[in-house]
Amino acid sequence: MAPVVHGLEDKWQGRASFFYLNIDDPQTTPWKQQLGYQYQPHLFLFDGNGNLIRQWVGFVDGQTLQQALADASS
């Protein structure tokens, strides 16, 4: 998933922000608990106001993520 997400991050630079939570990092535990984050990959898409739009657990192809970003930005 990392190459897919990093590729989208490059493509959407300046239009979307990407944040990464490492499941092994105890400093991110409060965020993981709040989001219901269980294992990698677990992706969340938020709008500009911080509202959860969509989430995916497990592998997601780049085309699906690209479309979700496009839909969220329109």
N, C-alpha and C. Protein backbone atom coordinates (compact mmCIF):
# COMPACT_ATOMS: atom_id res chain seq x y z
N MET A 1 0.82 -1.20 0.00
CA MET A 1 0.00 0.00 0.00
C MET A 1 0.86 1.26 0.00
N ALA A 2 2.03 1.20 0.61
CA ALA A 2 2.85 2.42 0.75
C ALA A 2 3.14 3.08 -0.60
N PRO A 3 3.56 2.34 -1.63
CA PRO A 3 3.82 3.00 -2.91
C PRO A 3 2.57 3.66 -3.50
N VAL A 4 1.43 3.02 -3.33
CA VAL A 4 0.17 3.58 -3.84
C VAL A 4 -0.15 4.88 -3.13
N VAL A 5 -0.10 4.85 -1.81
CA VAL A 5 -0.46 6.03 -1.02
C VAL A 5 0.55 7.16 -1.24
N HIS A 6 1.83 6.82 -1.28
CA HIS A 6 2.84 7.87 -1.50
C HIS A 6 2.72 8.46 -2.90
N GLY A 7 2.35 7.66 -3.88
CA GLY A 7 2.11 8.17 -5.23
C GLY A 7 0.94 9.14 -5.26
N LEU A 8 -0.12 8.81 -4.55
CA LEU A 8 -1.28 9.71 -4.48
C LEU A 8 -0.92 10.98 -3.70
N GLU A 9 -0.12 10.83 -2.68
CA GLU A 9 0.31 12.00 -1.91
C GLU A 9 1.07 12.97 -2.81
N ASP A 10 1.94 12.46 -3.66
CA ASP A 10 2.66 13.32 -4.60
C ASP A 10 1.70 13.97 -5.59
N LYS A 11 0.78 13.19 -6.09
CA LYS A 11 -0.18 13.69 -7.09
C LYS A 11 -1.12 14.75 -6.51
N TRP A 12 -1.50 14.59 -5.26
CA TRP A 12 -2.46 15.50 -4.62
C TRP A 12 -1.80 16.57 -3.76
N GLN A 13 -0.51 16.72 -3.88
CA GLN A 13 0.23 17.70 -3.07
C GLN A 13 -0.41 19.08 -3.21
N GLY A 14 -0.65 19.72 -2.08
CA GLY A 14 -1.27 21.03 -2.07
C GLY A 14 -2.79 21.01 -2.08
N ARG A 15 -3.38 19.86 -2.40
CA ARG A 15 -4.84 19.76 -2.43
C ARG A 15 -5.39 18.82 -1.36
N ALA A 16 -4.52 17.98 -0.82
CA ALA A 16 -4.92 17.03 0.23
C ALA A 16 -3.72 16.82 1.16
N SER A 17 -4.00 16.56 2.41
CA SER A 17 -2.95 16.28 3.38
C SER A 17 -3.01 14.82 3.76
N PHE A 18 -1.86 14.21 3.90
CA PHE A 18 -1.75 12.80 4.25
C PHE A 18 -1.05 12.69 5.59
N PHE A 19 -1.61 11.89 6.49
CA PHE A 19 -1.04 11.66 7.81
C PHE A 19 -0.92 10.16 8.02
N TYR A 20 0.13 9.76 8.68
CA TYR A 20 0.40 8.33 8.86
C TYR A 20 0.46 7.99 10.34
N LEU A 21 -0.25 6.94 10.72
CA LEU A 21 -0.21 6.43 12.09
C LEU A 21 0.43 5.05 12.05
N ASN A 22 1.54 4.92 12.74
CA ASN A 22 2.21 3.64 12.83
C ASN A 22 1.58 2.83 13.95
N ILE A 23 1.10 1.66 13.63
CA ILE A 23 0.42 0.83 14.63
C ILE A 23 1.34 0.46 15.79
N ASP A 24 2.65 0.47 15.57
CA ASP A 24 3.61 0.11 16.61
C ASP A 24 4.08 1.29 17.46
N ASP A 25 3.64 2.49 17.12
CA ASP A 25 4.09 3.69 17.83
C ASP A 25 3.11 4.01 18.96
N PRO A 26 3.53 3.87 20.22
CA PRO A 26 2.61 4.13 21.33
C PRO A 26 2.15 5.58 21.42
N GLN A 27 2.88 6.51 20.81
CA GLN A 27 2.47 7.92 20.85
C GLN A 27 1.21 8.17 20.03
N THR A 28 0.88 7.27 19.12
CA THR A 28 -0.32 7.44 18.30
C THR A 28 -1.53 6.67 18.86
N THR A 29 -1.36 6.03 20.00
CA THR A 29 -2.43 5.22 20.58
C THR A 29 -3.74 5.98 20.76
N PRO A 30 -3.72 7.22 21.28
CA PRO A 30 -5.01 7.93 21.42
C PRO A 30 -5.73 8.11 20.08
N TRP A 31 -5.00 8.42 19.04
CA TRP A 31 -5.62 8.58 17.71
C TRP A 31 -6.17 7.25 17.23
N LYS A 32 -5.38 6.20 17.37
CA LYS A 32 -5.81 4.87 16.91
C LYS A 32 -7.08 4.45 17.63
N GLN A 33 -7.15 4.68 18.94
CA GLN A 33 -8.34 4.31 19.71
C GLN A 33 -9.55 5.12 19.27
N GLN A 34 -9.36 6.40 19.05
CA GLN A 34 -10.46 7.26 18.64
C GLN A 34 -11.00 6.86 17.27
N LEU A 35 -10.12 6.47 16.38
CA LEU A 35 -10.53 6.11 15.02
C LEU A 35 -10.98 4.66 14.88
N GLY A 36 -10.68 3.83 15.87
CA GLY A 36 -10.99 2.42 15.75
C GLY A 36 -9.97 1.69 14.89
N TYR A 37 -8.78 2.24 14.82
CA TYR A 37 -7.68 1.69 14.03
C TYR A 37 -7.24 0.38 14.63
N GLN A 38 -7.21 -0.67 13.79
CA GLN A 38 -6.89 -2.00 14.31
C GLN A 38 -5.61 -2.57 13.72
N TYR A 39 -5.44 -2.47 12.43
CA TYR A 39 -4.24 -3.03 11.80
C TYR A 39 -3.99 -2.34 10.48
N GLN A 40 -2.77 -2.53 10.00
CA GLN A 40 -2.38 -1.90 8.74
C GLN A 40 -2.70 -2.83 7.59
N PRO A 41 -3.10 -2.32 6.45
CA PRO A 41 -3.48 -0.93 6.22
C PRO A 41 -4.91 -0.65 6.64
N HIS A 42 -5.10 0.49 7.24
CA HIS A 42 -6.42 1.00 7.61
C HIS A 42 -6.39 2.47 7.21
N LEU A 43 -7.13 2.81 6.18
CA LEU A 43 -7.10 4.16 5.61
C LEU A 43 -8.37 4.91 5.93
N PHE A 44 -8.22 6.19 6.22
CA PHE A 44 -9.35 7.06 6.56
C PHE A 44 -9.31 8.27 5.63
N LEU A 45 -10.47 8.68 5.15
CA LEU A 45 -10.58 9.89 4.33
C LEU A 45 -11.48 10.87 5.07
N PHE A 46 -10.92 12.04 5.36
CA PHE A 46 -11.65 13.09 6.07
C PHE A 46 -11.86 14.28 5.15
N ASP A 47 -12.93 15.03 5.37
CA ASP A 47 -13.12 16.27 4.63
C ASP A 47 -12.29 17.38 5.29
N GLY A 48 -12.36 18.57 4.74
CA GLY A 48 -11.59 19.70 5.25
C GLY A 48 -11.97 20.13 6.66
N ASN A 49 -13.12 19.68 7.14
CA ASN A 49 -13.56 20.02 8.49
C ASN A 49 -13.27 18.92 9.50
N GLY A 50 -12.60 17.86 9.06
CA GLY A 50 -12.25 16.77 9.96
C GLY A 50 -13.32 15.72 10.11
N ASN A 51 -14.34 15.75 9.25
CA ASN A 51 -15.40 14.74 9.30
C ASN A 51 -14.99 13.51 8.49
N LEU A 52 -15.17 12.34 9.06
CA LEU A 52 -14.83 11.10 8.37
C LEU A 52 -15.80 10.89 7.21
N ILE A 53 -15.24 10.75 6.02
CA ILE A 53 -16.04 10.51 4.82
C ILE A 53 -16.12 9.01 4.53
N ARG A 54 -14.95 8.37 4.63
CA ARG A 54 -14.88 6.95 4.25
C ARG A 54 -13.66 6.33 4.89
N GLN A 55 -13.70 5.00 5.03
CA GLN A 55 -12.52 4.28 5.50
C GLN A 55 -12.44 2.93 4.82
N TRP A 56 -11.23 2.42 4.73
CA TRP A 56 -10.95 1.13 4.13
C TRP A 56 -10.05 0.34 5.06
N VAL A 57 -10.32 -0.93 5.22
CA VAL A 57 -9.47 -1.83 6.00
C VAL A 57 -8.95 -2.88 5.02
N GLY A 58 -7.62 -3.02 4.96
CA GLY A 58 -7.02 -3.95 4.03
C GLY A 58 -6.59 -3.23 2.76
N PHE A 59 -6.13 -4.00 1.81
CA PHE A 59 -5.61 -3.44 0.56
C PHE A 59 -6.71 -2.72 -0.22
N VAL A 60 -6.35 -1.56 -0.76
CA VAL A 60 -7.24 -0.79 -1.64
C VAL A 60 -6.42 -0.40 -2.85
N ASP A 61 -6.98 -0.59 -4.04
CA ASP A 61 -6.21 -0.23 -5.22
C ASP A 61 -6.16 1.29 -5.39
N GLY A 62 -5.14 1.75 -6.06
CA GLY A 62 -4.91 3.17 -6.25
C GLY A 62 -6.04 3.88 -6.97
N GLN A 63 -6.66 3.20 -7.91
CA GLN A 63 -7.75 3.81 -8.67
C GLN A 63 -8.94 4.12 -7.76
N THR A 64 -9.23 3.23 -6.83
CA THR A 64 -10.33 3.45 -5.88
C THR A 64 -10.03 4.65 -4.99
N LEU A 65 -8.81 4.73 -4.49
CA LEU A 65 -8.43 5.86 -3.65
C LEU A 65 -8.42 7.16 -4.43
N GLN A 66 -7.91 7.12 -5.66
CA GLN A 66 -7.89 8.30 -6.52
C GLN A 66 -9.30 8.83 -6.74
N GLN A 67 -10.24 7.94 -7.02
CA GLN A 67 -11.63 8.34 -7.24
C GLN A 67 -12.24 8.92 -5.98
N ALA A 68 -11.94 8.32 -4.83
CA ALA A 68 -12.48 8.83 -3.57
C ALA A 68 -11.96 10.24 -3.29
N LEU A 69 -10.68 10.47 -3.55
CA LEU A 69 -10.12 11.82 -3.38
C LEU A 69 -10.78 12.81 -4.34
N ALA A 70 -10.96 12.40 -5.58
CA ALA A 70 -11.60 13.26 -6.57
C ALA A 70 -13.04 13.58 -6.17
N ASP A 71 -13.77 12.58 -5.71
CA ASP A 71 -15.16 12.80 -5.28
C ASP A 71 -15.22 13.73 -4.08
N ALA A 72 -14.29 13.57 -3.14
CA ALA A 72 -14.28 14.38 -1.93
C ALA A 72 -13.90 15.83 -2.22
N SER A 73 -13.15 16.05 -3.28
CA SER A 73 -12.69 17.40 -3.58
C SER A 73 -13.68 18.18 -4.44
N SER A 74 -14.70 17.50 -4.95
CA SER A 74 -15.66 18.22 -5.81
C SER A 74 -16.83 18.76 -5.04
